[in-house]
Amino acid sequence: MATIQVVLDDALLERTDELAEKRSVNRSALIREALRSYLKKVRFQELERQESLAYEQQPDDLAEAHRWERVADWPDD
């Protein structure tokens, strides 16, 4: 594990320390958790962007969807 230096303004540091104490973790653990969460969010946003671009390049064919609906085996209610 690497050690880094991060500069935080006083208000952010105070809020970080308060939350770390509330969660019974140290500051480093809280910052690691926050960074993992942020990276996961950014990755999810990137996947959504890629999916959106794929649909723009090859949109759904509604006619094909309707053909599948006609042959689908839907359960009787």
N, C-alpha and C. Protein backbone atom coordinates (compact mmCIF):
# COMPACT_ATOMS: atom_id res chain seq x y z
N MET A 1 0.85 -1.16 0.00
CA MET A 1 0.00 0.00 0.00
C MET A 1 0.90 1.23 0.00
N ALA A 2 0.55 2.20 -0.83
CA ALA A 2 1.34 3.42 -0.94
C ALA A 2 0.82 4.50 0.01
N THR A 3 1.70 5.36 0.40
CA THR A 3 1.33 6.52 1.21
C THR A 3 1.39 7.74 0.31
N ILE A 4 0.32 8.54 0.36
CA ILE A 4 0.26 9.75 -0.45
C ILE A 4 -0.05 10.93 0.45
N GLN A 5 0.12 12.11 -0.08
CA GLN A 5 -0.23 13.32 0.64
C GLN A 5 -1.37 13.99 -0.10
N VAL A 6 -2.42 14.35 0.62
CA VAL A 6 -3.58 14.99 0.03
C VAL A 6 -3.84 16.28 0.80
N VAL A 7 -4.09 17.35 0.09
CA VAL A 7 -4.37 18.63 0.72
C VAL A 7 -5.89 18.83 0.77
N LEU A 8 -6.43 19.06 1.97
CA LEU A 8 -7.86 19.31 2.16
C LEU A 8 -8.04 20.66 2.85
N ASP A 9 -9.09 21.36 2.47
CA ASP A 9 -9.36 22.59 3.21
C ASP A 9 -9.86 22.24 4.60
N ASP A 10 -9.82 23.20 5.49
CA ASP A 10 -10.13 22.93 6.90
C ASP A 10 -11.53 22.38 7.10
N ALA A 11 -12.50 22.92 6.39
CA ALA A 11 -13.89 22.46 6.56
C ALA A 11 -14.05 21.02 6.11
N LEU A 12 -13.44 20.66 4.98
CA LEU A 12 -13.54 19.28 4.49
C LEU A 12 -12.84 18.32 5.43
N LEU A 13 -11.69 18.73 5.94
CA LEU A 13 -10.97 17.88 6.89
C LEU A 13 -11.78 17.67 8.16
N GLU A 14 -12.42 18.71 8.64
CA GLU A 14 -13.23 18.59 9.85
C GLU A 14 -14.41 17.64 9.63
N ARG A 15 -15.09 17.79 8.49
CA ARG A 15 -16.21 16.89 8.18
C ARG A 15 -15.73 15.45 8.01
N THR A 16 -14.57 15.28 7.41
CA THR A 16 -13.99 13.95 7.22
C THR A 16 -13.70 13.30 8.56
N ASP A 17 -13.07 14.05 9.44
CA ASP A 17 -12.74 13.51 10.76
C ASP A 17 -14.00 13.19 11.57
N GLU A 18 -15.02 14.03 11.46
CA GLU A 18 -16.27 13.77 12.17
C GLU A 18 -16.91 12.47 11.69
N LEU A 19 -16.95 12.28 10.38
CA LEU A 19 -17.55 11.08 9.83
C LEU A 19 -16.72 9.84 10.15
N ALA A 20 -15.43 9.98 10.08
CA ALA A 20 -14.55 8.84 10.43
C ALA A 20 -14.79 8.42 11.87
N GLU A 21 -14.90 9.39 12.76
CA GLU A 21 -15.15 9.05 14.17
C GLU A 21 -16.53 8.40 14.32
N LYS A 22 -17.52 8.94 13.63
CA LYS A 22 -18.88 8.40 13.70
C LYS A 22 -18.92 6.95 13.22
N ARG A 23 -18.14 6.64 12.18
CA ARG A 23 -18.11 5.29 11.62
C ARG A 23 -17.07 4.39 12.27
N SER A 24 -16.37 4.93 13.21
CA SER A 24 -15.32 4.18 13.93
C SER A 24 -14.23 3.63 13.00
N VAL A 25 -13.81 4.48 12.07
CA VAL A 25 -12.69 4.14 11.18
C VAL A 25 -11.71 5.31 11.22
N ASN A 26 -10.50 5.06 10.76
CA ASN A 26 -9.56 6.18 10.72
C ASN A 26 -9.77 6.97 9.43
N ARG A 27 -9.15 8.12 9.38
CA ARG A 27 -9.30 9.03 8.25
C ARG A 27 -8.91 8.36 6.93
N SER A 28 -7.81 7.64 6.94
CA SER A 28 -7.34 6.98 5.70
C SER A 28 -8.36 5.96 5.19
N ALA A 29 -8.93 5.17 6.10
CA ALA A 29 -9.92 4.18 5.69
C ALA A 29 -11.15 4.85 5.09
N LEU A 30 -11.57 5.95 5.70
CA LEU A 30 -12.73 6.68 5.17
C LEU A 30 -12.44 7.23 3.77
N ILE A 31 -11.27 7.80 3.59
CA ILE A 31 -10.91 8.37 2.29
C ILE A 31 -10.78 7.26 1.24
N ARG A 32 -10.22 6.11 1.62
CA ARG A 32 -10.15 4.97 0.67
C ARG A 32 -11.54 4.53 0.26
N GLU A 33 -12.44 4.42 1.24
CA GLU A 33 -13.82 4.02 0.95
C GLU A 33 -14.49 5.02 0.01
N ALA A 34 -14.30 6.30 0.29
CA ALA A 34 -14.90 7.35 -0.55
C ALA A 34 -14.34 7.31 -1.97
N LEU A 35 -13.05 7.09 -2.09
CA LEU A 35 -12.43 7.04 -3.41
C LEU A 35 -12.88 5.82 -4.19
N ARG A 36 -12.98 4.67 -3.51
CA ARG A 36 -13.50 3.47 -4.19
C ARG A 36 -14.92 3.71 -4.70
N SER A 37 -15.74 4.32 -3.86
CA SER A 37 -17.11 4.60 -4.24
C SER A 37 -17.16 5.55 -5.44
N TYR A 38 -16.33 6.57 -5.41
CA TYR A 38 -16.29 7.52 -6.52
C TYR A 38 -15.82 6.85 -7.82
N LEU A 39 -14.79 6.04 -7.73
CA LEU A 39 -14.28 5.35 -8.92
C LEU A 39 -15.33 4.39 -9.48
N LYS A 40 -16.06 3.72 -8.61
CA LYS A 40 -17.14 2.83 -9.05
C LYS A 40 -18.22 3.63 -9.78
N LYS A 41 -18.57 4.79 -9.23
CA LYS A 41 -19.58 5.66 -9.85
C LYS A 41 -19.11 6.13 -11.23
N VAL A 42 -17.86 6.55 -11.32
CA VAL A 42 -17.31 7.02 -12.60
C VAL A 42 -17.31 5.88 -13.62
N ARG A 43 -16.95 4.68 -13.20
CA ARG A 43 -16.94 3.51 -14.10
C ARG A 43 -18.35 3.21 -14.60
N PHE A 44 -19.34 3.26 -13.70
CA PHE A 44 -20.72 3.02 -14.07
C PHE A 44 -21.19 4.07 -15.08
N GLN A 45 -20.83 5.34 -14.84
CA GLN A 45 -21.21 6.40 -15.78
C GLN A 45 -20.58 6.18 -17.15
N GLU A 46 -19.34 5.70 -17.17
CA GLU A 46 -18.66 5.41 -18.44
C GLU A 46 -19.35 4.27 -19.17
N LEU A 47 -19.75 3.23 -18.45
CA LEU A 47 -20.48 2.12 -19.08
C LEU A 47 -21.82 2.58 -19.63
N GLU A 48 -22.51 3.45 -18.89
CA GLU A 48 -23.77 4.00 -19.39
C GLU A 48 -23.55 4.82 -20.65
N ARG A 49 -22.46 5.60 -20.67
CA ARG A 49 -22.14 6.41 -21.85
C ARG A 49 -21.86 5.52 -23.05
N GLN A 50 -21.10 4.44 -22.84
CA GLN A 50 -20.80 3.51 -23.92
C GLN A 50 -22.07 2.84 -24.43
N GLU A 51 -22.96 2.46 -23.52
CA GLU A 51 -24.21 1.84 -23.92
C GLU A 51 -25.06 2.81 -24.73
N SER A 52 -25.11 4.04 -24.29
CA SER A 52 -25.88 5.06 -25.00
C SER A 52 -25.33 5.27 -26.42
N LEU A 53 -24.02 5.33 -26.53
CA LEU A 53 -23.39 5.48 -27.85
C LEU A 53 -23.70 4.28 -28.75
N ALA A 54 -23.68 3.09 -28.17
CA ALA A 54 -23.97 1.89 -28.95
C ALA A 54 -25.40 1.94 -29.50
N TYR A 55 -26.35 2.38 -28.67
CA TYR A 55 -27.73 2.48 -29.13
C TYR A 55 -27.90 3.57 -30.18
N GLU A 56 -27.10 4.65 -30.06
CA GLU A 56 -27.15 5.69 -31.08
C GLU A 56 -26.63 5.16 -32.41
N GLN A 57 -25.59 4.33 -32.37
CA GLN A 57 -25.01 3.79 -33.59
C GLN A 57 -25.88 2.70 -34.20
N GLN A 58 -26.58 1.95 -33.36
CA GLN A 58 -27.44 0.89 -33.84
C GLN A 58 -28.71 0.86 -32.98
N PRO A 59 -29.67 1.74 -33.31
CA PRO A 59 -30.89 1.83 -32.49
C PRO A 59 -31.71 0.54 -32.57
N ASP A 60 -32.57 0.38 -31.58
CA ASP A 60 -33.47 -0.77 -31.58
C ASP A 60 -34.36 -0.73 -32.82
N ASP A 61 -34.62 -1.89 -33.37
CA ASP A 61 -35.51 -2.02 -34.52
C ASP A 61 -36.89 -2.38 -33.98
N LEU A 62 -37.79 -1.41 -33.95
CA LEU A 62 -39.11 -1.65 -33.39
C LEU A 62 -39.89 -2.70 -34.17
N ALA A 63 -39.69 -2.75 -35.47
CA ALA A 63 -40.38 -3.76 -36.28
C ALA A 63 -39.96 -5.16 -35.84
N GLU A 64 -38.68 -5.35 -35.57
CA GLU A 64 -38.21 -6.65 -35.11
C GLU A 64 -38.79 -6.98 -33.74
N ALA A 65 -38.87 -6.00 -32.87
CA ALA A 65 -39.44 -6.21 -31.54
C ALA A 65 -40.90 -6.64 -31.65
N HIS A 66 -41.63 -6.01 -32.56
CA HIS A 66 -43.04 -6.38 -32.75
C HIS A 66 -43.17 -7.81 -33.29
N ARG A 67 -42.26 -8.20 -34.17
CA ARG A 67 -42.30 -9.57 -34.69
C ARG A 67 -42.09 -10.57 -33.56
N TRP A 68 -41.17 -10.29 -32.65
CA TRP A 68 -40.92 -11.19 -31.53
C TRP A 68 -42.11 -11.23 -30.58
N GLU A 69 -42.79 -10.11 -30.41
CA GLU A 69 -43.97 -10.10 -29.54
C GLU A 69 -45.06 -11.02 -30.07
N ARG A 70 -45.20 -11.08 -31.38
CA ARG A 70 -46.24 -11.93 -31.98
C ARG A 70 -45.97 -13.41 -31.76
N VAL A 71 -44.71 -13.80 -31.68
CA VAL A 71 -44.39 -15.23 -31.54
C VAL A 71 -44.03 -15.60 -30.10
N ALA A 72 -44.00 -14.65 -29.22
CA ALA A 72 -43.63 -14.94 -27.84
C ALA A 72 -44.70 -15.80 -27.17
N ASP A 73 -44.27 -16.67 -26.30
CA ASP A 73 -45.17 -17.54 -25.57
C ASP A 73 -45.46 -16.90 -24.21
N TRP A 74 -46.49 -16.05 -24.19
CA TRP A 74 -46.86 -15.35 -22.98
C TRP A 74 -47.77 -16.22 -22.14
N PRO A 75 -47.55 -16.29 -20.81
CA PRO A 75 -48.41 -17.11 -19.97
C PRO A 75 -49.83 -16.53 -19.89
N ASP A 76 -50.80 -17.41 -19.79
CA ASP A 76 -52.19 -16.96 -19.65
C ASP A 76 -52.39 -16.51 -18.19
N ASP A 77 -53.15 -15.47 -18.02
CA ASP A 77 -53.44 -14.98 -16.66
C ASP A 77 -54.54 -15.77 -16.02
